[in-house]
PDB file of all heavy atoms in Angstrom:
ATOM      1  N   GLN A   1      -5.003   3.687  10.469  1.00  0.00           N
ATOM      2  CA  GLN A   1      -5.720   2.836   9.546  1.00  0.00           C
ATOM      3  C   GLN A   1      -4.995   2.672   8.208  1.00  0.00           C
ATOM      4  O   GLN A   1      -5.237   1.742   7.501  1.00  0.00           O
ATOM      5  CB  GLN A   1      -7.104   3.429   9.274  1.00  0.00           C
ATOM      6  CG  GLN A   1      -8.073   3.314  10.504  1.00  0.00           C
ATOM      7  CD  GLN A   1      -7.674   4.277  11.564  1.00  0.00           C
ATOM      8  OE1 GLN A   1      -7.307   5.461  11.298  1.00  0.00           O
ATOM      9  NE2 GLN A   1      -7.804   3.844  12.817  1.00  0.00           N
ATOM     10  N   THR A   2      -4.109   3.616   7.904  1.00  0.00           N
ATOM     11  CA  THR A   2      -3.322   3.589   6.654  1.00  0.00           C
ATOM     12  C   THR A   2      -1.840   3.834   6.945  1.00  0.00           C
ATOM     13  O   THR A   2      -1.257   4.822   6.544  1.00  0.00           O
ATOM     14  CB  THR A   2      -3.849   4.610   5.644  1.00  0.00           C
ATOM     15  OG1 THR A   2      -3.710   5.970   6.283  1.00  0.00           O
ATOM     16  CG2 THR A   2      -5.268   4.423   5.269  1.00  0.00           C
ATOM     17  N   PRO A   3      -1.185   2.859   7.670  1.00  0.00           N
ATOM     18  CA  PRO A   3       0.153   3.041   8.102  1.00  0.00           C
ATOM     19  C   PRO A   3       1.187   2.690   7.044  1.00  0.00           C
ATOM     20  O   PRO A   3       1.861   1.611   7.169  1.00  0.00           O
ATOM     21  CB  PRO A   3       0.224   2.126   9.277  1.00  0.00           C
ATOM     22  CG  PRO A   3      -0.728   0.993   8.952  1.00  0.00           C
ATOM     23  CD  PRO A   3      -1.814   1.571   8.178  1.00  0.00           C
ATOM     24  N   TRP A   4       1.328   3.480   6.037  1.00  0.00           N
ATOM     25  CA  TRP A   4       2.329   3.220   5.081  1.00  0.00           C
ATOM     26  C   TRP A   4       2.803   4.569   4.466  1.00  0.00           C
ATOM     27  O   TRP A   4       2.153   5.553   4.621  1.00  0.00           O
ATOM     28  CB  TRP A   4       1.843   2.339   3.917  1.00  0.00           C
ATOM     29  CG  TRP A   4       0.485   2.669   3.488  1.00  0.00           C
ATOM     30  CD1 TRP A   4       0.070   3.755   2.793  1.00  0.00           C
ATOM     31  CD2 TRP A   4      -0.693   1.910   3.667  1.00  0.00           C
ATOM     32  NE1 TRP A   4      -1.273   3.723   2.505  1.00  0.00           N
ATOM     33  CE2 TRP A   4      -1.796   2.586   3.031  1.00  0.00           C
ATOM     34  CE3 TRP A   4      -1.015   0.685   4.249  1.00  0.00           C
ATOM     35  CZ2 TRP A   4      -3.087   2.099   2.965  1.00  0.00           C
ATOM     36  CZ3 TRP A   4      -2.291   0.220   4.248  1.00  0.00           C
ATOM     37  CH2 TRP A   4      -3.359   0.884   3.671  1.00  0.00           C
ATOM     38  N   SER A   5       3.877   4.477   3.679  1.00  0.00           N
ATOM     39  CA  SER A   5       4.417   5.716   3.048  1.00  0.00           C
ATOM     40  C   SER A   5       3.808   5.821   1.648  1.00  0.00           C
ATOM     41  O   SER A   5       3.681   4.807   0.884  1.00  0.00           O
ATOM     42  CB  SER A   5       5.962   5.611   2.991  1.00  0.00           C
ATOM     43  OG  SER A   5       6.451   6.599   2.104  1.00  0.00           O
ATOM     44  N   MET A   6       3.487   6.998   1.210  1.00  0.00           N
ATOM     45  CA  MET A   6       2.982   7.231  -0.141  1.00  0.00           C
ATOM     46  C   MET A   6       3.801   8.353  -0.819  1.00  0.00           C
ATOM     47  O   MET A   6       4.043   9.373  -0.235  1.00  0.00           O
ATOM     48  CB  MET A   6       1.523   7.749  -0.069  1.00  0.00           C
ATOM     49  CG  MET A   6       0.547   6.682   0.340  1.00  0.00           C
ATOM     50  SD  MET A   6      -1.172   7.244   0.141  1.00  0.00           S
ATOM     51  CE  MET A   6      -1.285   8.595   1.249  1.00  0.00           C
ATOM     52  N   ASP A   7       4.278   8.041  -2.003  1.00  0.00           N
ATOM     53  CA  ASP A   7       4.970   8.982  -2.910  1.00  0.00           C
ATOM     54  C   ASP A   7       4.074   9.202  -4.107  1.00  0.00           C
ATOM     55  O   ASP A   7       3.889   8.316  -4.878  1.00  0.00           O
ATOM     56  CB  ASP A   7       6.366   8.474  -3.266  1.00  0.00           C
ATOM     57  CG  ASP A   7       7.254   8.398  -2.075  1.00  0.00           C
ATOM     58  OD1 ASP A   7       7.246   9.310  -1.195  1.00  0.00           O
ATOM     59  OD2 ASP A   7       8.008   7.437  -1.923  1.00  0.00           O
ATOM     60  N   GLU A   8       3.606  10.462  -4.300  1.00  0.00           N
ATOM     61  CA  GLU A   8       2.638  10.678  -5.385  1.00  0.00           C
ATOM     62  C   GLU A   8       3.189  11.748  -6.305  1.00  0.00           C
ATOM     63  O   GLU A   8       3.724  12.821  -5.848  1.00  0.00           O
ATOM     64  CB  GLU A   8       1.304  11.155  -4.838  1.00  0.00           C
ATOM     65  CG  GLU A   8       0.258  11.503  -5.892  1.00  0.00           C
ATOM     66  CD  GLU A   8      -1.029  12.012  -5.346  1.00  0.00           C
ATOM     67  OE1 GLU A   8      -1.199  11.899  -4.092  1.00  0.00           O
ATOM     68  OE2 GLU A   8      -1.928  12.405  -6.129  1.00  0.00           O
ATOM     69  N   ASN A   9       3.101  11.578  -7.597  1.00  0.00           N
ATOM     70  CA  ASN A   9       3.317  12.625  -8.590  1.00  0.00           C
ATOM     71  C   ASN A   9       2.423  12.347  -9.769  1.00  0.00           C
ATOM     72  O   ASN A   9       1.546  11.538  -9.708  1.00  0.00           O
ATOM     73  CB  ASN A   9       4.829  12.639  -9.059  1.00  0.00           C
ATOM     74  CG  ASN A   9       5.269  11.237  -9.543  1.00  0.00           C
ATOM     75  OD1 ASN A   9       4.543  10.581 -10.293  1.00  0.00           O
ATOM     76  ND2 ASN A   9       6.514  10.899  -9.231  1.00  0.00           N
ATOM     77  N   LEU A  10       2.585  13.085 -10.834  1.00  0.00           N
ATOM     78  CA  LEU A  10       1.698  12.957 -11.987  1.00  0.00           C
ATOM     79  C   LEU A  10       1.717  11.576 -12.565  1.00  0.00           C
ATOM     80  O   LEU A  10       0.756  11.005 -13.003  1.00  0.00           O
ATOM     81  CB  LEU A  10       2.093  14.033 -13.068  1.00  0.00           C
ATOM     82  CG  LEU A  10       1.304  13.965 -14.398  1.00  0.00           C
ATOM     83  CD1 LEU A  10      -0.212  14.346 -14.099  1.00  0.00           C
ATOM     84  CD2 LEU A  10       1.865  14.955 -15.360  1.00  0.00           C
ATOM     85  N   MET A  11       2.889  10.978 -12.597  1.00  0.00           N
ATOM     86  CA  MET A  11       3.047   9.725 -13.208  1.00  0.00           C
ATOM     87  C   MET A  11       2.402   8.534 -12.464  1.00  0.00           C
ATOM     88  O   MET A  11       1.814   7.646 -13.021  1.00  0.00           O
ATOM     89  CB  MET A  11       4.558   9.355 -13.442  1.00  0.00           C
ATOM     90  CG  MET A  11       4.867   8.000 -14.069  1.00  0.00           C
ATOM     91  SD  MET A  11       4.211   7.783 -15.769  1.00  0.00           S
ATOM     92  CE  MET A  11       5.352   8.833 -16.658  1.00  0.00           C
ATOM     93  N   HIS A  12       2.613   8.483 -11.151  1.00  0.00           N
ATOM     94  CA  HIS A  12       2.140   7.378 -10.401  1.00  0.00           C
ATOM     95  C   HIS A  12       2.041   7.666  -8.898  1.00  0.00           C
ATOM     96  O   HIS A  12       2.458   8.776  -8.375  1.00  0.00           O
ATOM     97  CB  HIS A  12       3.143   6.232 -10.623  1.00  0.00           C
ATOM     98  CG  HIS A  12       4.329   6.264  -9.678  1.00  0.00           C
ATOM     99  ND1 HIS A  12       5.188   7.338  -9.607  1.00  0.00           N
ATOM    100  CD2 HIS A  12       4.774   5.373  -8.735  1.00  0.00           C
ATOM    101  CE1 HIS A  12       6.098   7.142  -8.691  1.00  0.00           C
ATOM    102  NE2 HIS A  12       5.884   5.907  -8.155  1.00  0.00           N
ATOM    103  N   ILE A  13       1.533   6.744  -8.172  1.00  0.00           N
ATOM    104  CA  ILE A  13       1.597   6.749  -6.683  1.00  0.00           C
ATOM    105  C   ILE A  13       2.196   5.413  -6.303  1.00  0.00           C
ATOM    106  O   ILE A  13       1.901   4.340  -6.793  1.00  0.00           O
ATOM    107  CB  ILE A  13       0.200   6.821  -6.039  1.00  0.00           C
ATOM    108  CG1 ILE A  13      -0.561   8.133  -6.391  1.00  0.00           C
ATOM    109  CG2 ILE A  13       0.312   6.750  -4.517  1.00  0.00           C
ATOM    110  CD1 ILE A  13      -1.943   8.175  -5.805  1.00  0.00           C
ATOM    111  N   SER A  14       3.137   5.502  -5.343  1.00  0.00           N
ATOM    112  CA  SER A  14       3.741   4.229  -4.807  1.00  0.00           C
ATOM    113  C   SER A  14       3.472   4.167  -3.296  1.00  0.00           C
ATOM    114  O   SER A  14       3.441   5.241  -2.628  1.00  0.00           O
ATOM    115  CB  SER A  14       5.255   4.192  -5.075  1.00  0.00           C
ATOM    116  OG  SER A  14       5.905   5.299  -4.367  1.00  0.00           O
ATOM    117  N   TYR A  15       3.223   2.994  -2.839  1.00  0.00           N
ATOM    118  CA  TYR A  15       2.973   2.734  -1.434  1.00  0.00           C
ATOM    119  C   TYR A  15       3.992   1.702  -0.929  1.00  0.00           C
ATOM    120  O   TYR A  15       4.104   0.701  -1.489  1.00  0.00           O
ATOM    121  CB  TYR A  15       1.612   2.157  -1.242  1.00  0.00           C
ATOM    122  CG  TYR A  15       0.434   2.894  -1.826  1.00  0.00           C
ATOM    123  CD1 TYR A  15       0.085   2.768  -3.192  1.00  0.00           C
ATOM    124  CD2 TYR A  15      -0.314   3.813  -1.064  1.00  0.00           C
ATOM    125  CE1 TYR A  15      -0.958   3.430  -3.732  1.00  0.00           C
ATOM    126  CE2 TYR A  15      -1.405   4.483  -1.604  1.00  0.00           C
ATOM    127  CZ  TYR A  15      -1.735   4.380  -2.989  1.00  0.00           C
ATOM    128  OH  TYR A  15      -2.762   5.054  -3.556  1.00  0.00           O
ATOM    129  N   GLU A  16       4.651   2.112   0.230  1.00  0.00           N
ATOM    130  CA  GLU A  16       5.661   1.264   0.806  1.00  0.00           C
ATOM    131  C   GLU A  16       5.678   1.454   2.285  1.00  0.00           C
ATOM    132  O   GLU A  16       4.993   2.329   2.838  1.00  0.00           O
ATOM    133  CB  GLU A  16       7.065   1.530   0.262  1.00  0.00           C
ATOM    134  CG  GLU A  16       7.292   1.289  -1.269  1.00  0.00           C
ATOM    135  CD  GLU A  16       8.708   1.620  -1.654  1.00  0.00           C
ATOM    136  OE1 GLU A  16       9.203   2.682  -1.344  1.00  0.00           O
ATOM    137  OE2 GLU A  16       9.217   0.705  -2.399  1.00  0.00           O
ATOM    138  N   ALA A  17       6.396   0.508   2.982  1.00  0.00           N
ATOM    139  CA  ALA A  17       6.655   0.617   4.406  1.00  0.00           C
ATOM    140  C   ALA A  17       5.420   0.195   5.224  1.00  0.00           C
ATOM    141  O   ALA A  17       4.362  -0.188   4.666  1.00  0.00           O
ATOM    142  CB  ALA A  17       7.173   1.944   4.792  1.00  0.00           C
ATOM    143  N   GLY A  18       5.509   0.335   6.523  1.00  0.00           N
ATOM    144  CA  GLY A  18       4.454  -0.033   7.341  1.00  0.00           C
ATOM    145  C   GLY A  18       4.018  -1.424   7.215  1.00  0.00           C
ATOM    146  O   GLY A  18       4.851  -2.327   7.107  1.00  0.00           O
ATOM    147  N   ILE A  19       2.702  -1.709   7.273  1.00  0.00           N
ATOM    148  CA  ILE A  19       2.243  -3.079   7.179  1.00  0.00           C
ATOM    149  C   ILE A  19       2.478  -3.748   5.890  1.00  0.00           C
ATOM    150  O   ILE A  19       2.379  -4.929   5.678  1.00  0.00           O
ATOM    151  CB  ILE A  19       0.757  -3.194   7.539  1.00  0.00           C
ATOM    152  CG1 ILE A  19      -0.113  -2.368   6.546  1.00  0.00           C
ATOM    153  CG2 ILE A  19       0.452  -2.673   8.943  1.00  0.00           C
ATOM    154  CD1 ILE A  19      -1.551  -2.545   6.689  1.00  0.00           C
ATOM    155  N   LEU A  20       2.866  -2.898   4.828  1.00  0.00           N
ATOM    156  CA  LEU A  20       3.170  -3.414   3.538  1.00  0.00           C
ATOM    157  C   LEU A  20       4.483  -4.172   3.490  1.00  0.00           C
ATOM    158  O   LEU A  20       4.842  -4.818   2.567  1.00  0.00           O
ATOM    159  CB  LEU A  20       3.181  -2.325   2.458  1.00  0.00           C
ATOM    160  CG  LEU A  20       1.813  -1.642   2.226  1.00  0.00           C
ATOM    161  CD1 LEU A  20       2.019  -0.563   1.128  1.00  0.00           C
ATOM    162  CD2 LEU A  20       0.778  -2.633   1.798  1.00  0.00           C
ATOM    163  N   GLU A  21       5.308  -3.967   4.499  1.00  0.00           N
ATOM    164  CA  GLU A  21       6.559  -4.728   4.602  1.00  0.00           C
ATOM    165  C   GLU A  21       6.379  -6.204   4.775  1.00  0.00           C
ATOM    166  O   GLU A  21       7.280  -6.989   4.528  1.00  0.00           O
ATOM    167  CB  GLU A  21       7.408  -4.099   5.751  1.00  0.00           C
ATOM    168  CG  GLU A  21       7.894  -2.717   5.466  1.00  0.00           C
ATOM    169  CD  GLU A  21       8.708  -2.152   6.548  1.00  0.00           C
ATOM    170  OE1 GLU A  21       8.759  -2.695   7.664  1.00  0.00           O
ATOM    171  OE2 GLU A  21       9.245  -1.009   6.370  1.00  0.00           O
ATOM    172  N   ASN A  22       5.179  -6.659   5.096  1.00  0.00           N
ATOM    173  CA  ASN A  22       4.786  -7.992   5.143  1.00  0.00           C
ATOM    174  C   ASN A  22       4.272  -8.329   3.697  1.00  0.00           C
ATOM    175  O   ASN A  22       3.211  -7.893   3.385  1.00  0.00           O
ATOM    176  CB  ASN A  22       3.764  -8.328   6.231  1.00  0.00           C
ATOM    177  CG  ASN A  22       3.404  -9.823   6.249  1.00  0.00           C
ATOM    178  OD1 ASN A  22       3.761 -10.562   5.369  1.00  0.00           O
ATOM    179  ND2 ASN A  22       2.659 -10.170   7.282  1.00  0.00           N
ATOM    180  N   PRO A  23       4.958  -9.120   2.905  1.00  0.00           N
ATOM    181  CA  PRO A  23       4.589  -9.342   1.568  1.00  0.00           C
ATOM    182  C   PRO A  23       3.389 -10.252   1.372  1.00  0.00           C
ATOM    183  O   PRO A  23       2.918 -10.421   0.294  1.00  0.00           O
ATOM    184  CB  PRO A  23       5.798 -10.004   0.893  1.00  0.00           C
ATOM    185  CG  PRO A  23       6.470 -10.685   2.011  1.00  0.00           C
ATOM    186  CD  PRO A  23       6.254  -9.789   3.217  1.00  0.00           C
ATOM    187  N   LYS A  24       2.800 -10.830   2.488  1.00  0.00           N
ATOM    188  CA  LYS A  24       1.750 -11.845   2.308  1.00  0.00           C
ATOM    189  C   LYS A  24       0.406 -11.153   2.129  1.00  0.00           C
ATOM    190  O   LYS A  24      -0.380 -11.541   1.241  1.00  0.00           O
ATOM    191  CB  LYS A  24       1.778 -12.735   3.543  1.00  0.00           C
ATOM    192  CG  LYS A  24       0.718 -13.843   3.371  1.00  0.00           C
ATOM    193  CD  LYS A  24       0.775 -14.751   4.531  1.00  0.00           C
ATOM    194  CE  LYS A  24      -0.205 -15.960   4.369  1.00  0.00           C
ATOM    195  NZ  LYS A  24      -0.141 -16.910   5.530  1.00  0.00           N
ATOM    196  N   PRO A  25      -0.004 -10.146   2.927  1.00  0.00           N
ATOM    197  CA  PRO A  25      -1.366  -9.658   2.785  1.00  0.00           C
ATOM    198  C   PRO A  25      -1.549  -8.952   1.431  1.00  0.00           C
ATOM    199  O   PRO A  25      -0.684  -8.342   0.921  1.00  0.00           O
ATOM    200  CB  PRO A  25      -1.433  -8.541   3.945  1.00  0.00           C
ATOM    201  CG  PRO A  25      -0.392  -8.949   4.854  1.00  0.00           C
ATOM    202  CD  PRO A  25       0.730  -9.540   4.059  1.00  0.00           C
ATOM    203  N   ARG A  26      -2.730  -9.251   0.783  1.00  0.00           N
ATOM    204  CA  ARG A  26      -3.035  -8.596  -0.453  1.00  0.00           C
ATOM    205  C   ARG A  26      -3.354  -7.151  -0.290  1.00  0.00           C
ATOM    206  O   ARG A  26      -4.057  -6.758   0.641  1.00  0.00           O
ATOM    207  CB  ARG A  26      -4.203  -9.327  -1.116  1.00  0.00           C
ATOM    208  CG  ARG A  26      -3.926 -10.762  -1.532  1.00  0.00           C
ATOM    209  CD  ARG A  26      -5.153 -11.463  -2.035  1.00  0.00           C
ATOM    210  NE  ARG A  26      -5.645 -10.682  -3.233  1.00  0.00           N
ATOM    211  CZ  ARG A  26      -6.899 -10.976  -3.693  1.00  0.00           C
ATOM    212  NH1 ARG A  26      -7.657 -11.813  -3.145  1.00  0.00           N
ATOM    213  NH2 ARG A  26      -7.321 -10.313  -4.814  1.00  0.00           N
ATOM    214  N   ALA A  27      -2.874  -6.346  -1.220  1.00  0.00           N
ATOM    215  CA  ALA A  27      -3.182  -4.925  -1.197  1.00  0.00           C
ATOM    216  C   ALA A  27      -4.349  -4.486  -2.080  1.00  0.00           C
ATOM    217  O   ALA A  27      -4.819  -3.377  -2.076  1.00  0.00           O
ATOM    218  CB  ALA A  27      -1.944  -4.103  -1.558  1.00  0.00           C
ATOM    219  N   GLY A  28      -4.724  -5.405  -2.933  1.00  0.00           N
ATOM    220  CA  GLY A  28      -5.853  -5.160  -3.886  1.00  0.00           C
ATOM    221  C   GLY A  28      -6.938  -6.189  -3.832  1.00  0.00           C
ATOM    222  O   GLY A  28      -6.852  -7.066  -2.872  1.00  0.00           O
ATOM    223  N   GLY A  29      -7.761  -6.231  -4.793  1.00  0.00           N
ATOM    224  CA  GLY A  29      -8.805  -7.330  -4.767  1.00  0.00           C
ATOM    225  C   GLY A  29      -9.816  -7.116  -3.707  1.00  0.00           C
ATOM    226  O   GLY A  29     -10.282  -5.901  -3.444  1.00  0.00           O
ATOM    227  N   VAL A  30     -10.219  -8.148  -3.006  1.00  0.00           N
ATOM    228  CA  VAL A  30     -11.321  -8.062  -2.047  1.00  0.00           C
ATOM    229  C   VAL A  30     -10.787  -8.066  -0.587  1.00  0.00           C
ATOM    230  O   VAL A  30     -11.562  -8.164   0.251  1.00  0.00           O
ATOM    231  CB  VAL A  30     -12.236  -9.328  -2.259  1.00  0.00           C
ATOM    232  CG1 VAL A  30     -12.881  -9.242  -3.593  1.00  0.00           C
ATOM    233  CG2 VAL A  30     -11.498 -10.618  -2.050  1.00  0.00           C
ATOM    234  N   SER A  31      -9.471  -7.869  -0.416  1.00  0.00           N
ATOM    235  CA  SER A  31      -8.984  -7.971   0.921  1.00  0.00           C
ATOM    236  C   SER A  31      -9.310  -6.552   1.656  1.00  0.00           C
ATOM    237  O   SER A  31      -9.825  -5.618   1.061  1.00  0.00           O
ATOM    238  CB  SER A  31      -7.481  -8.131   1.022  1.00  0.00           C
ATOM    239  OG  SER A  31      -6.828  -6.919   0.531  1.00  0.00           O
ATOM    240  N   SER A  32      -9.039  -6.513   2.959  1.00  0.00           N
ATOM    241  CA  SER A  32      -9.319  -5.314   3.739  1.00  0.00           C
ATOM    242  C   SER A  32      -8.518  -4.109   3.237  1.00  0.00           C
ATOM    243  O   SER A  32      -8.908  -2.975   3.416  1.00  0.00           O
ATOM    244  CB  SER A  32      -9.005  -5.635   5.254  1.00  0.00           C
ATOM    245  OG  SER A  32      -7.715  -5.943   5.412  1.00  0.00           O
ATOM    246  N   LEU A  33      -7.373  -4.420   2.599  1.00  0.00           N
ATOM    247  CA  LEU A  33      -6.472  -3.298   2.184  1.00  0.00           C
ATOM    248  C   LEU A  33      -7.085  -2.686   0.958  1.00  0.00           C
ATOM    249  O   LEU A  33      -6.710  -1.483   0.582  1.00  0.00           O
ATOM    250  CB  LEU A  33      -5.082  -3.796   1.874  1.00  0.00           C
ATOM    251  CG  LEU A  33      -4.203  -4.271   3.095  1.00  0.00           C
ATOM    252  CD1 LEU A  33      -2.949  -4.635   2.616  1.00  0.00           C
ATOM    253  CD2 LEU A  33      -4.135  -3.106   4.110  1.00  0.00           C
ATOM    254  N   CYS A  34      -7.974  -3.376   0.248  1.00  0.00           N
ATOM    255  CA  CYS A  34      -8.491  -2.825  -1.055  1.00  0.00           C
ATOM    256  C   CYS A  34      -9.177  -1.440  -0.886  1.00  0.00           C
ATOM    257  O   CYS A  34      -8.931  -0.556  -1.665  1.00  0.00           O
ATOM    258  CB  CYS A  34      -9.493  -3.799  -1.645  1.00  0.00           C
ATOM    259  SG  CYS A  34     -10.198  -3.213  -3.191  1.00  0.00           S
TER     260      CYS A  34
END
């Protein structure tokens, strides 16, 4: 359900890879990824 890579530290979290490699789907807002 969450097929992506996460790198977390005190400063930030970054999400990459998996289904995020398709730049079209929204990752925030009201989409299913939100």
